[in-house]
Amino acid sequence: MKAFVVEKYGKDGVRAAEVPEPKVGDRDVLVRVSAASINPLDKLVRNGELKQVLKYKLPFVLGHDVAGVVTRVGSAVHGFKVGDEVYARPRDLRIGTFAEFIAIDMDDVAPKPASLTLHEAAAVPLVALAAWQILVDRAHVKPGQKVLIHAGAGGLGSTVIQLAKHLGATVATTTDTDTEKLVRDLGADVVVDYTKEDFRKVLSGYDLALDAVGGANLEKSLTVLKPGGLAISVVGPPDAGFAKQLGAPSFLGLVMNALSRKIRKQAKALGVRYQFFFMQANGSQLRKLGALYDSGKLRPVIDSTFPFDQTLEAMAHVEQGRTKAGKVVVSMVPDNV
């Protein structure tokens, strides 16, 4: 089958290749890929930035999001049959959605939301799971709480805005002039145009700040939290909890705590908290999220679509910052291009 494979770590380490179709284990669902989408995580994995904790064996197929049709099921699989339309974010060390087929553990798969096309559904799994796990599992967001979401027009930000509003939060976001209307339409109550003003001058007393920018932006975010508030970053620096989540050796937890010592110390001095977040595959959560898409509470935001043979161009589009809003999708189906 055709696939895009990481042969070596680095920017030029991915190429199109012919590889064997994946083997289907007893618990696996074999999916014929209809569409996939690009995530910042693809770049991190390709560049080897997570190789100390995610030990992929070179060469391997890249890609973390998928929507497609079930073509075979393992002997122990229940709840799925050949012909089902599904979507998934396969678990770490079993990724590979930039391919014609992928075998996925049944616990990571969910029926595609009926209201979404396969093309639209491919833009959803990773960002929707991240939004759910940040807001519901980690921050326990309650009605009336105040949530700040940076980069609100991005793939993650646009999803978190919608879910936070569904949970009853007051939502603030940072974006630029071109996407201000979009984030308001998604539900943002307060919009700060970062090209014109400093969010610290207009925001205060927030329960949660979600950072997808890093660096100074993360440090500034600590200052708008109320006492006991929580800053969560999806770009780092990592902490010991990340190493524990991935089952890494204890010494790596110490290393990661060292990497995040400065920001954790700053947070403590301000009476707030800092945590790093890395999402996990979860088919049961995708089922819950699918119901929210079908009810109209959530909707995907798609920037552009590339044909499958232009997957590398799609990745470059994202890496070069040419995405205006939402996700970039790679489609196997010419009609969706």
Protein backbone atom coordinates (compact mmCIF):
# COMPACT_ATOMS: atom_id res chain seq x y z
CA MET A 1 0.00 0.00 0.00
CA LYS A 2 1.01 3.64 -0.40
CA ALA A 3 2.14 5.46 2.73
CA PHE A 4 4.25 8.35 3.99
CA VAL A 5 7.05 6.91 6.06
CA VAL A 6 9.56 8.39 8.52
CA GLU A 7 12.87 6.84 7.38
CA LYS A 8 15.06 9.05 9.56
CA TYR A 9 14.39 11.77 12.07
CA GLY A 10 14.43 15.31 10.72
CA LYS A 11 12.62 17.67 8.37
CA ASP A 12 13.60 15.69 5.28
CA GLY A 13 13.07 12.30 6.86
CA VAL A 14 9.62 11.51 5.41
CA ARG A 15 9.00 10.08 1.95
CA ALA A 16 6.27 8.35 0.00
CA ALA A 17 6.77 4.58 -0.05
CA GLU A 18 5.14 1.24 -0.78
CA VAL A 19 4.79 -0.74 2.45
CA PRO A 20 2.97 -3.96 3.39
CA GLU A 21 -0.61 -3.70 4.58
CA PRO A 22 -0.74 -3.79 8.39
CA LYS A 23 -1.29 -7.06 10.20
CA VAL A 24 -4.63 -7.30 11.96
CA GLY A 25 -4.49 -8.51 15.56
CA ASP A 26 -7.35 -10.13 17.47
CA ARG A 27 -8.44 -6.76 18.92
CA ASP A 28 -7.79 -4.72 15.78
CA VAL A 29 -10.05 -2.98 13.31
CA LEU A 30 -8.55 -2.60 9.82
CA VAL A 31 -9.60 0.75 8.37
CA ARG A 32 -9.36 1.83 4.76
CA VAL A 33 -8.35 5.46 5.13
CA SER A 34 -10.69 8.00 3.55
CA ALA A 35 -9.02 11.06 5.06
CA ALA A 36 -6.48 12.10 7.66
CA SER A 37 -5.45 15.45 9.08
CA ILE A 38 -2.24 17.23 9.98
CA ASN A 39 -1.32 17.94 13.60
CA PRO A 40 1.69 19.70 15.19
CA LEU A 41 2.41 16.33 16.81
CA ASP A 42 3.30 14.93 13.38
CA LYS A 43 6.18 17.38 13.16
CA LEU A 44 7.38 16.60 16.70
CA VAL A 45 7.39 12.86 16.03
CA ARG A 46 9.00 13.26 12.59
CA ASN A 47 11.79 15.39 14.04
CA GLY A 48 12.48 12.92 16.84
CA GLU A 49 11.70 15.45 19.56
CA LEU A 50 9.81 12.80 21.54
CA LYS A 51 12.02 9.82 20.76
CA GLN A 52 13.18 9.46 24.36
CA VAL A 53 9.61 8.67 25.45
CA LEU A 54 7.97 7.50 22.21
CA LYS A 55 10.35 4.86 20.92
CA TYR A 56 9.23 4.26 17.34
CA LYS A 57 11.17 1.76 15.33
CA LEU A 58 12.35 3.30 12.05
CA PRO A 59 10.92 3.24 9.45
CA PHE A 60 7.31 3.88 10.48
CA VAL A 61 4.21 5.44 8.94
CA LEU A 62 3.32 8.93 10.21
CA GLY A 63 -0.13 10.39 10.95
CA HIS A 64 -2.33 10.69 14.04
CA ASP A 65 -5.92 11.33 12.83
CA VAL A 66 -8.10 9.17 10.60
CA ALA A 67 -11.60 8.65 9.28
CA GLY A 68 -12.44 5.72 7.07
CA VAL A 69 -14.29 2.47 6.49
CA VAL A 70 -13.79 -0.83 8.32
CA THR A 71 -12.59 -3.56 5.94
CA ARG A 72 -11.73 -6.31 8.44
CA VAL A 73 -12.07 -7.01 12.16
CA GLY A 74 -10.04 -9.20 14.51
CA SER A 75 -11.50 -12.28 16.17
CA ALA A 76 -11.97 -10.55 19.54
CA VAL A 77 -13.49 -7.34 18.14
CA HIS A 78 -17.03 -6.43 19.14
CA GLY A 79 -19.10 -3.39 18.25
CA PHE A 80 -17.64 -2.95 14.77
CA LYS A 81 -18.26 -4.72 11.47
CA VAL A 82 -17.04 -4.52 7.89
CA GLY A 83 -18.50 -1.45 6.18
CA ASP A 84 -18.77 0.73 9.31
CA GLU A 85 -17.63 4.33 8.95
CA VAL A 86 -15.33 5.18 11.85
CA TYR A 87 -12.90 7.79 13.13
CA ALA A 88 -9.97 7.53 15.52
CA ARG A 89 -6.76 8.88 16.93
CA PRO A 90 -4.70 5.65 17.13
CA ARG A 91 -2.66 5.20 20.29
CA ASP A 92 1.00 6.17 20.47
CA LEU A 93 3.40 3.65 18.92
CA ARG A 94 0.54 2.48 16.67
CA ILE A 95 0.04 5.62 14.60
CA GLY A 96 0.22 5.59 10.80
CA THR A 97 -2.81 7.32 9.28
CA PHE A 98 -0.90 8.71 6.28
CA ALA A 99 -1.51 5.44 4.48
CA GLU A 100 -4.15 3.56 2.53
CA PHE A 101 -4.90 1.25 5.47
CA ILE A 102 -4.28 1.24 9.22
CA ALA A 103 -4.97 -1.38 11.91
CA ILE A 104 -6.27 0.22 15.11
CA ASP A 105 -7.05 -1.25 18.53
CA MET A 106 -10.84 -1.36 18.89
CA ASP A 107 -10.66 0.66 22.13
CA ASP A 108 -9.34 3.63 20.14
CA VAL A 109 -12.06 3.60 17.46
CA ALA A 110 -15.55 5.11 17.45
CA PRO A 111 -18.38 5.34 14.92
CA LYS A 112 -18.05 8.42 12.76
CA PRO A 113 -20.52 11.15 13.80
CA ALA A 114 -23.48 10.78 11.46
CA SER A 115 -23.63 14.52 10.80
CA LEU A 116 -20.04 14.70 9.52
CA THR A 117 -18.58 13.53 6.25
CA LEU A 118 -15.53 11.28 6.44
CA HIS A 119 -13.52 14.28 5.26
CA GLU A 120 -14.84 16.43 8.14
CA ALA A 121 -14.49 13.64 10.71
CA ALA A 122 -10.78 13.27 9.93
CA ALA A 123 -10.21 16.77 11.33
CA VAL A 124 -11.72 15.90 14.69
CA PRO A 125 -10.19 13.09 16.80
CA LEU A 126 -6.93 14.44 18.21
CA VAL A 127 -8.14 17.99 18.91
CA ALA A 128 -11.51 16.87 20.24
CA LEU A 129 -9.94 14.32 22.58
CA ALA A 130 -7.43 16.93 23.75
CA ALA A 131 -10.21 19.42 24.41
CA TRP A 132 -12.22 16.88 26.40
CA GLN A 133 -9.26 15.62 28.40
CA ILE A 134 -8.09 19.15 29.22
CA LEU A 135 -11.45 20.66 30.15
CA VAL A 136 -13.27 17.66 31.63
CA ASP A 137 -10.63 15.23 32.90
CA ARG A 138 -7.83 17.60 33.91
CA ALA A 139 -9.34 21.01 34.74
CA HIS A 140 -12.87 19.84 35.71
CA VAL A 141 -14.38 22.98 34.21
CA LYS A 142 -17.70 23.96 35.78
CA PRO A 143 -20.44 26.38 34.67
CA GLY A 144 -19.52 29.97 35.43
CA GLN A 145 -15.76 29.43 35.45
CA LYS A 146 -13.52 31.58 33.27
CA VAL A 147 -11.32 29.93 30.65
CA LEU A 148 -8.62 31.58 28.51
CA ILE A 149 -7.76 29.81 25.28
CA HIS A 150 -4.79 31.03 23.29
CA ALA A 151 -4.71 30.70 19.49
CA GLY A 152 -8.47 30.32 19.39
CA ALA A 153 -8.67 29.98 15.61
CA GLY A 154 -6.31 27.00 15.53
CA GLY A 155 -7.35 23.38 15.26
CA LEU A 156 -7.19 22.85 19.02
CA GLY A 157 -8.30 26.32 20.07
CA SER A 158 -11.39 26.33 17.88
CA THR A 159 -12.49 23.03 19.40
CA VAL A 160 -11.75 24.01 23.00
CA ILE A 161 -13.76 27.23 22.65
CA GLN A 162 -16.83 25.27 21.60
CA LEU A 163 -16.52 22.61 24.28
CA ALA A 164 -15.81 25.16 27.03
CA LYS A 165 -18.97 27.05 26.07
CA HIS A 166 -20.93 23.79 26.10
CA LEU A 167 -19.64 23.19 29.65
CA GLY A 168 -20.94 26.61 30.69
CA ALA A 169 -17.66 28.52 30.96
CA THR A 170 -17.04 32.14 30.12
CA VAL A 171 -14.47 31.96 27.34
CA ALA A 172 -11.75 34.42 26.39
CA THR A 173 -9.40 33.83 23.49
CA THR A 174 -6.49 35.43 21.68
CA THR A 175 -6.45 35.61 17.89
CA ASP A 176 -5.70 38.03 15.07
CA THR A 177 -7.95 40.51 13.27
CA ASP A 178 -8.75 38.16 10.37
CA THR A 179 -10.21 35.43 12.59
CA GLU A 180 -11.98 37.52 15.22
CA LYS A 181 -15.41 36.89 13.69
CA LEU A 182 -14.76 33.15 13.51
CA VAL A 183 -13.89 32.77 17.19
CA ARG A 184 -16.89 34.85 18.20
CA ASP A 185 -19.11 32.63 16.07
CA LEU A 186 -17.61 29.60 17.83
CA GLY A 187 -18.66 31.04 21.18
CA ALA A 188 -15.85 33.21 22.53
CA ASP A 189 -17.19 35.84 24.94
CA VAL A 190 -14.03 37.95 25.06
CA VAL A 191 -11.68 38.25 22.09
CA VAL A 192 -8.24 39.82 22.39
CA ASP A 193 -6.51 40.70 19.12
CA TYR A 194 -2.91 39.91 20.00
CA THR A 195 -1.67 42.10 17.14
CA LYS A 196 -3.17 45.15 18.85
CA GLU A 197 -3.18 44.59 22.61
CA ASP A 198 -1.63 42.66 25.48
CA PHE A 199 -4.10 40.16 26.91
CA ARG A 200 -2.72 40.80 30.40
CA LYS A 201 -4.15 44.32 30.33
CA VAL A 202 -7.72 43.19 29.71
CA LEU A 203 -7.99 39.78 31.41
CA SER A 204 -7.83 38.73 35.07
CA GLY A 205 -9.26 36.20 37.49
CA TYR A 206 -9.26 33.20 35.16
CA ASP A 207 -9.65 29.64 36.42
CA LEU A 208 -7.83 28.07 33.47
CA ALA A 209 -5.43 29.23 30.78
CA LEU A 210 -4.69 26.89 27.89
CA ASP A 211 -1.45 27.71 26.08
CA ALA A 212 -0.53 26.42 22.63
CA VAL A 213 2.13 29.06 21.99
CA GLY A 214 4.75 28.55 24.70
CA GLY A 215 7.65 30.69 25.85
CA ALA A 216 6.83 34.17 27.08
CA ASN A 217 3.15 33.68 26.26
CA LEU A 218 2.94 30.88 28.82
CA GLU A 219 4.68 32.97 31.46
CA LYS A 220 2.30 35.87 30.84
CA SER A 221 -0.67 33.53 31.11
CA LEU A 222 0.19 32.76 34.74
CA THR A 223 -0.49 36.39 35.65
CA VAL A 224 -4.14 36.40 34.55
CA LEU A 225 -5.10 33.39 36.68
CA LYS A 226 -6.94 33.71 39.97
CA PRO A 227 -5.29 32.20 43.09
CA GLY A 228 -5.21 28.44 42.66
CA GLY A 229 -5.82 28.76 38.92
CA LEU A 230 -4.29 26.35 36.44
CA ALA A 231 -2.17 26.97 33.34
CA ILE A 232 -1.97 24.03 30.95
CA SER A 233 0.43 23.95 28.01
CA VAL A 234 0.34 21.57 25.07
CA VAL A 235 3.74 22.70 23.81
CA GLY A 236 5.79 22.40 26.97
CA PRO A 237 7.94 22.42 28.87
CA PRO A 238 7.08 18.85 29.92
CA ASP A 239 6.88 17.71 33.53
CA ALA A 240 7.21 14.43 35.40
CA GLY A 241 3.53 13.67 34.84
CA PHE A 242 4.21 13.35 31.11
CA ALA A 243 6.94 10.78 31.65
CA LYS A 244 4.69 8.84 34.02
CA GLN A 245 1.80 8.91 31.54
CA LEU A 246 3.96 7.34 28.84
CA GLY A 247 5.52 4.81 31.20
CA ALA A 248 9.01 6.27 30.75
CA PRO A 249 11.85 5.45 33.18
CA SER A 250 11.84 7.46 36.40
CA PHE A 251 15.04 9.31 35.48
CA LEU A 252 13.22 10.87 32.52
CA GLY A 253 10.64 12.19 34.96
CA LEU A 254 13.44 13.93 36.81
CA VAL A 255 14.78 15.34 33.55
CA MET A 256 11.35 16.68 32.58
CA ASN A 257 10.80 18.20 35.99
CA ALA A 258 14.10 19.99 35.54
CA LEU A 259 12.95 21.31 32.15
CA SER A 260 9.79 22.75 33.71
CA ARG A 261 11.32 23.91 36.99
CA LYS A 262 11.40 27.58 35.99
CA ILE A 263 7.75 27.83 34.95
CA ARG A 264 6.57 25.77 37.93
CA LYS A 265 8.54 28.04 40.27
CA GLN A 266 6.98 31.13 38.64
CA ALA A 267 3.54 29.60 39.02
CA LYS A 268 4.08 28.77 42.67
CA ALA A 269 5.27 32.32 43.41
CA LEU A 270 1.99 33.62 41.95
CA GLY A 271 -0.12 31.11 43.85
CA VAL A 272 -1.17 29.26 40.70
CA ARG A 273 -0.35 25.91 39.08
CA TYR A 274 1.29 24.68 35.88
CA GLN A 275 0.84 21.36 34.09
CA PHE A 276 1.94 19.94 30.75
CA PHE A 277 -0.67 18.08 28.74
CA PHE A 278 -0.34 15.25 26.22
CA MET A 279 -3.54 13.66 24.97
CA GLN A 280 -4.33 9.93 24.97
CA ALA A 281 -6.29 7.78 22.53
CA ASN A 282 -9.79 6.98 23.78
CA GLY A 283 -12.59 5.53 21.69
CA SER A 284 -15.26 5.85 24.40
CA GLN A 285 -14.59 9.59 24.68
CA LEU A 286 -14.83 9.88 20.89
CA ARG A 287 -18.32 8.37 21.13
CA LYS A 288 -19.35 11.07 23.61
CA LEU A 289 -17.79 13.75 21.42
CA GLY A 290 -19.52 12.32 18.36
CA ALA A 291 -22.86 12.93 20.05
CA LEU A 292 -21.88 16.58 20.60
CA TYR A 293 -21.04 16.97 16.91
CA ASP A 294 -24.33 15.35 15.92
CA SER A 295 -26.28 17.64 18.26
CA GLY A 296 -24.62 20.74 16.80
CA LYS A 297 -22.78 21.65 20.00
CA LEU A 298 -19.46 21.17 18.19
CA ARG A 299 -18.42 21.61 14.57
CA PRO A 300 -15.11 21.03 12.81
CA VAL A 301 -13.17 23.96 11.41
CA ILE A 302 -11.23 23.09 8.25
CA ASP A 303 -8.67 25.37 6.65
CA SER A 304 -7.90 23.46 3.47
CA THR A 305 -7.71 20.02 1.91
CA PHE A 306 -4.86 18.36 0.04
CA PRO A 307 -4.94 15.12 -1.99
CA PHE A 308 -3.18 12.19 -0.37
CA ASP A 309 -0.18 12.32 -2.71
CA GLN A 310 0.47 15.88 -1.48
CA THR A 311 0.72 14.93 2.20
CA LEU A 312 4.20 16.44 2.47
CA GLU A 313 2.89 19.70 1.00
CA ALA A 314 0.05 19.63 3.53
CA MET A 315 2.55 19.26 6.37
CA ALA A 316 4.61 22.13 4.99
CA HIS A 317 1.47 24.29 4.76
CA VAL A 318 0.95 23.84 8.51
CA GLU A 319 4.61 24.17 9.50
CA GLN A 320 5.04 27.39 7.52
CA GLY A 321 2.14 29.01 9.36
CA ARG A 322 -0.05 29.31 6.27
CA THR A 323 -3.11 27.88 8.02
CA LYS A 324 -5.67 30.62 8.56
CA ALA A 325 -7.96 28.67 10.88
CA GLY A 326 -8.70 25.12 11.92
CA LYS A 327 -7.26 21.91 10.50
CA VAL A 328 -5.62 20.84 7.26
CA VAL A 329 -7.06 17.61 5.87
CA VAL A 330 -5.46 15.04 3.55
CA SER A 331 -8.07 13.22 1.48
CA MET A 332 -8.01 9.94 -0.40
CA VAL A 333 -11.22 10.90 -2.17
CA PRO A 334 -10.81 13.31 -5.12
CA ASP A 335 -14.34 14.69 -4.65
CA ASN A 336 -13.30 16.20 -1.32
CA VAL A 337 -10.38 18.11 -2.74
